Amino acid sequence: MNDSIYRSEKIVKIRILKDVFWEDWGTLRKVFKKGHICKARETFLDGESIGVSAESQFYEGVSDGLSDDEYEIIEEVAE
Protein backbone atom coordinates (compact mmCIF):
# COMPACT_ATOMS: atom_id res chain seq x y z
CA MET A 1 0.00 0.00 0.00
CA ASN A 2 1.38 3.41 -1.00
CA ASP A 3 0.44 6.16 1.45
CA SER A 4 2.76 8.80 0.00
CA ILE A 5 1.50 12.36 -0.33
CA TYR A 6 2.42 14.37 -3.42
CA ARG A 7 3.08 18.09 -2.88
CA SER A 8 3.64 20.52 -5.75
CA GLU A 9 3.67 24.26 -6.41
CA LYS A 10 3.15 26.61 -9.34
CA ILE A 11 3.51 30.33 -9.86
CA VAL A 12 0.29 32.27 -10.47
CA LYS A 13 -0.66 35.91 -10.90
CA ILE A 14 -3.20 37.16 -8.35
CA ARG A 15 -5.30 40.26 -7.75
CA ILE A 16 -5.72 41.40 -4.15
CA LEU A 17 -9.46 41.81 -3.40
CA LYS A 18 -9.21 43.88 -0.21
CA ASP A 19 -6.57 45.54 1.93
CA VAL A 20 -4.63 42.78 3.71
CA PHE A 21 -3.04 43.10 7.14
CA TRP A 22 -0.68 40.68 8.90
CA GLU A 23 0.07 40.68 12.61
CA ASP A 24 3.62 41.68 13.59
CA TRP A 25 4.32 41.31 17.32
CA GLY A 26 0.90 42.65 18.30
CA THR A 27 0.68 45.30 15.58
CA LEU A 28 -1.33 44.92 12.38
CA ARG A 29 0.72 45.88 9.32
CA LYS A 30 -0.80 46.58 5.91
CA VAL A 31 0.93 44.19 3.52
CA PHE A 32 -1.23 44.47 0.38
CA LYS A 33 -3.47 47.19 -1.02
CA LYS A 34 -6.78 46.29 -2.67
CA GLY A 35 -6.35 45.96 -6.45
CA HIS A 36 -2.62 45.13 -6.34
CA ILE A 37 -1.55 42.47 -8.85
CA CYS A 38 1.45 40.27 -8.12
CA LYS A 39 2.95 36.83 -8.52
CA ALA A 40 2.23 34.23 -5.86
CA ARG A 41 2.97 30.58 -5.17
CA GLU A 42 0.00 28.20 -5.21
CA THR A 43 0.59 24.97 -3.28
CA PHE A 44 -1.09 21.64 -4.08
CA LEU A 45 -1.41 18.46 -2.04
CA ASP A 46 -2.26 15.38 -4.09
CA GLY A 47 -3.39 17.66 -6.92
CA GLU A 48 -5.75 19.80 -4.80
CA SER A 49 -4.96 23.45 -4.12
CA ILE A 50 -4.34 24.06 -0.42
CA GLY A 51 -3.41 27.73 -0.53
CA VAL A 52 -1.52 30.68 -1.94
CA SER A 53 1.39 32.63 -0.48
CA ALA A 54 2.93 35.88 -1.68
CA GLU A 55 5.54 38.48 -0.75
CA SER A 56 4.18 41.72 0.70
CA GLN A 57 4.15 44.65 -1.70
CA PHE A 58 5.40 46.91 1.12
CA TYR A 59 7.90 44.71 3.02
CA GLU A 60 10.57 43.11 0.83
CA GLY A 61 11.34 39.53 1.80
CA VAL A 62 8.24 39.14 3.97
CA SER A 63 5.79 36.52 2.71
CA ASP A 64 2.94 34.48 4.14
CA GLY A 65 -0.27 32.75 3.19
CA LEU A 66 -3.36 34.57 2.00
CA SER A 67 -6.95 33.68 2.90
CA ASP A 68 -9.21 32.63 0.02
CA ASP A 69 -11.30 35.81 0.34
CA GLU A 70 -8.25 38.08 0.00
CA TYR A 71 -7.24 37.26 -3.59
CA GLU A 72 -8.30 35.85 -6.94
CA ILE A 73 -6.06 33.97 -9.35
CA ILE A 74 -6.06 35.76 -12.69
CA GLU A 75 -3.58 33.57 -14.61
CA GLU A 76 -0.93 30.90 -14.40
CA VAL A 77 2.64 32.08 -14.98
CA ALA A 78 5.13 30.02 -16.98
CA GLU A 79 8.31 29.46 -14.99
C-alpha atoms as a PDB file:
ATOM      1  CA  MET A   1       0.000   0.000   0.000  1.00  0.00           C
ATOM      2  CA  ASN A   2       1.380   3.407  -1.001  1.00  0.00           C
ATOM      3  CA  ASP A   3       0.436   6.161   1.453  1.00  0.00           C
ATOM      4  CA  SER A   4       2.758   8.797  -0.001  1.00  0.00           C
ATOM      5  CA  ILE A   5       1.501  12.360  -0.331  1.00  0.00           C
ATOM      6  CA  TYR A   6       2.420  14.368  -3.418  1.00  0.00           C
ATOM      7  CA  ARG A   7       3.083  18.089  -2.877  1.00  0.00           C
ATOM      8  CA  SER A   8       3.640  20.520  -5.747  1.00  0.00           C
ATOM      9  CA  GLU A   9       3.666  24.259  -6.414  1.00  0.00           C
ATOM     10  CA  LYS A  10       3.146  26.610  -9.336  1.00  0.00           C
ATOM     11  CA  ILE A  11       3.507  30.334  -9.857  1.00  0.00           C
ATOM     12  CA  VAL A  12       0.288  32.267 -10.471  1.00  0.00           C
ATOM     13  CA  LYS A  13      -0.662  35.906 -10.905  1.00  0.00           C
ATOM     14  CA  ILE A  14      -3.201  37.158  -8.352  1.00  0.00           C
ATOM     15  CA  ARG A  15      -5.297  40.265  -7.753  1.00  0.00           C
ATOM     16  CA  ILE A  16      -5.724  41.404  -4.152  1.00  0.00           C
ATOM     17  CA  LEU A  17      -9.461  41.810  -3.401  1.00  0.00           C
ATOM     18  CA  LYS A  18      -9.209  43.884  -0.214  1.00  0.00           C
ATOM     19  CA  ASP A  19      -6.570  45.544   1.931  1.00  0.00           C
ATOM     20  CA  VAL A  20      -4.626  42.781   3.707  1.00  0.00           C
ATOM     21  CA  PHE A  21      -3.036  43.101   7.135  1.00  0.00           C
ATOM     22  CA  TRP A  22      -0.677  40.676   8.897  1.00  0.00           C
ATOM     23  CA  GLU A  23       0.071  40.676  12.614  1.00  0.00           C
ATOM     24  CA  ASP A  24       3.617  41.685  13.593  1.00  0.00           C
ATOM     25  CA  TRP A  25       4.321  41.314  17.319  1.00  0.00           C
ATOM     26  CA  GLY A  26       0.899  42.651  18.303  1.00  0.00           C
ATOM     27  CA  THR A  27       0.681  45.304  15.580  1.00  0.00           C
ATOM     28  CA  LEU A  28      -1.334  44.922  12.384  1.00  0.00           C
ATOM     29  CA  ARG A  29       0.718  45.885   9.325  1.00  0.00           C
ATOM     30  CA  LYS A  30      -0.803  46.575   5.914  1.00  0.00           C
ATOM     31  CA  VAL A  31       0.927  44.192   3.519  1.00  0.00           C
ATOM     32  CA  PHE A  32      -1.233  44.468   0.375  1.00  0.00           C
ATOM     33  CA  LYS A  33      -3.472  47.188  -1.018  1.00  0.00           C
ATOM     34  CA  LYS A  34      -6.778  46.287  -2.674  1.00  0.00           C
ATOM     35  CA  GLY A  35      -6.350  45.964  -6.449  1.00  0.00           C
ATOM     36  CA  HIS A  36      -2.625  45.130  -6.338  1.00  0.00           C
ATOM     37  CA  ILE A  37      -1.550  42.473  -8.854  1.00  0.00           C
ATOM     38  CA  CYS A  38       1.450  40.270  -8.125  1.00  0.00           C
ATOM     39  CA  LYS A  39       2.953  36.828  -8.522  1.00  0.00           C
ATOM     40  CA  ALA A  40       2.229  34.229  -5.861  1.00  0.00           C
ATOM     41  CA  ARG A  41       2.972  30.584  -5.167  1.00  0.00           C
ATOM     42  CA  GLU A  42      -0.001  28.198  -5.213  1.00  0.00           C
ATOM     43  CA  THR A  43       0.588  24.969  -3.284  1.00  0.00           C
ATOM     44  CA  PHE A  44      -1.087  21.641  -4.082  1.00  0.00           C
ATOM     45  CA  LEU A  45      -1.409  18.456  -2.036  1.00  0.00           C
ATOM     46  CA  ASP A  46      -2.260  15.384  -4.091  1.00  0.00           C
ATOM     47  CA  GLY A  47      -3.394  17.664  -6.925  1.00  0.00           C
ATOM     48  CA  GLU A  48      -5.748  19.796  -4.796  1.00  0.00           C
ATOM     49  CA  SER A  49      -4.965  23.453  -4.124  1.00  0.00           C
ATOM     50  CA  ILE A  50      -4.341  24.064  -0.419  1.00  0.00           C
ATOM     51  CA  GLY A  51      -3.408  27.734  -0.533  1.00  0.00           C
ATOM     52  CA  VAL A  52      -1.524  30.684  -1.936  1.00  0.00           C
ATOM     53  CA  SER A  53       1.386  32.632  -0.480  1.00  0.00           C
ATOM     54  CA  ALA A  54       2.934  35.880  -1.683  1.00  0.00           C
ATOM     55  CA  GLU A  55       5.538  38.475  -0.749  1.00  0.00           C
ATOM     56  CA  SER A  56       4.181  41.723   0.698  1.00  0.00           C
ATOM     57  CA  GLN A  57       4.148  44.654  -1.701  1.00  0.00           C
ATOM     58  CA  PHE A  58       5.398  46.906   1.125  1.00  0.00           C
ATOM     59  CA  TYR A  59       7.902  44.712   3.021  1.00  0.00           C
ATOM     60  CA  GLU A  60      10.574  43.113   0.829  1.00  0.00           C
ATOM     61  CA  GLY A  61      11.345  39.525   1.796  1.00  0.00           C
ATOM     62  CA  VAL A  62       8.237  39.139   3.970  1.00  0.00           C
ATOM     63  CA  SER A  63       5.790  36.522   2.714  1.00  0.00           C
ATOM     64  CA  ASP A  64       2.940  34.480   4.142  1.00  0.00           C
ATOM     65  CA  GLY A  65      -0.265  32.754   3.189  1.00  0.00           C
ATOM     66  CA  LEU A  66      -3.364  34.573   2.002  1.00  0.00           C
ATOM     67  CA  SER A  67      -6.953  33.678   2.896  1.00  0.00           C
ATOM     68  CA  ASP A  68      -9.208  32.625   0.018  1.00  0.00           C
ATOM     69  CA  ASP A  69     -11.303  35.808   0.344  1.00  0.00           C
ATOM     70  CA  GLU A  70      -8.246  38.083   0.001  1.00  0.00           C
ATOM     71  CA  TYR A  71      -7.237  37.255  -3.590  1.00  0.00           C
ATOM     72  CA  GLU A  72      -8.295  35.855  -6.938  1.00  0.00           C
ATOM     73  CA  ILE A  73      -6.058  33.973  -9.353  1.00  0.00           C
ATOM     74  CA  ILE A  74      -6.058  35.755 -12.694  1.00  0.00           C
ATOM     75  CA  GLU A  75      -3.581  33.570 -14.612  1.00  0.00           C
ATOM     76  CA  GLU A  76      -0.926  30.901 -14.397  1.00  0.00           C
ATOM     77  CA  VAL A  77       2.640  32.080 -14.982  1.00  0.00           C
ATOM     78  CA  ALA A  78       5.129  30.024 -16.979  1.00  0.00           C
ATOM     79  CA  GLU A  79       8.314  29.457 -14.993  1.00  0.00           C
END
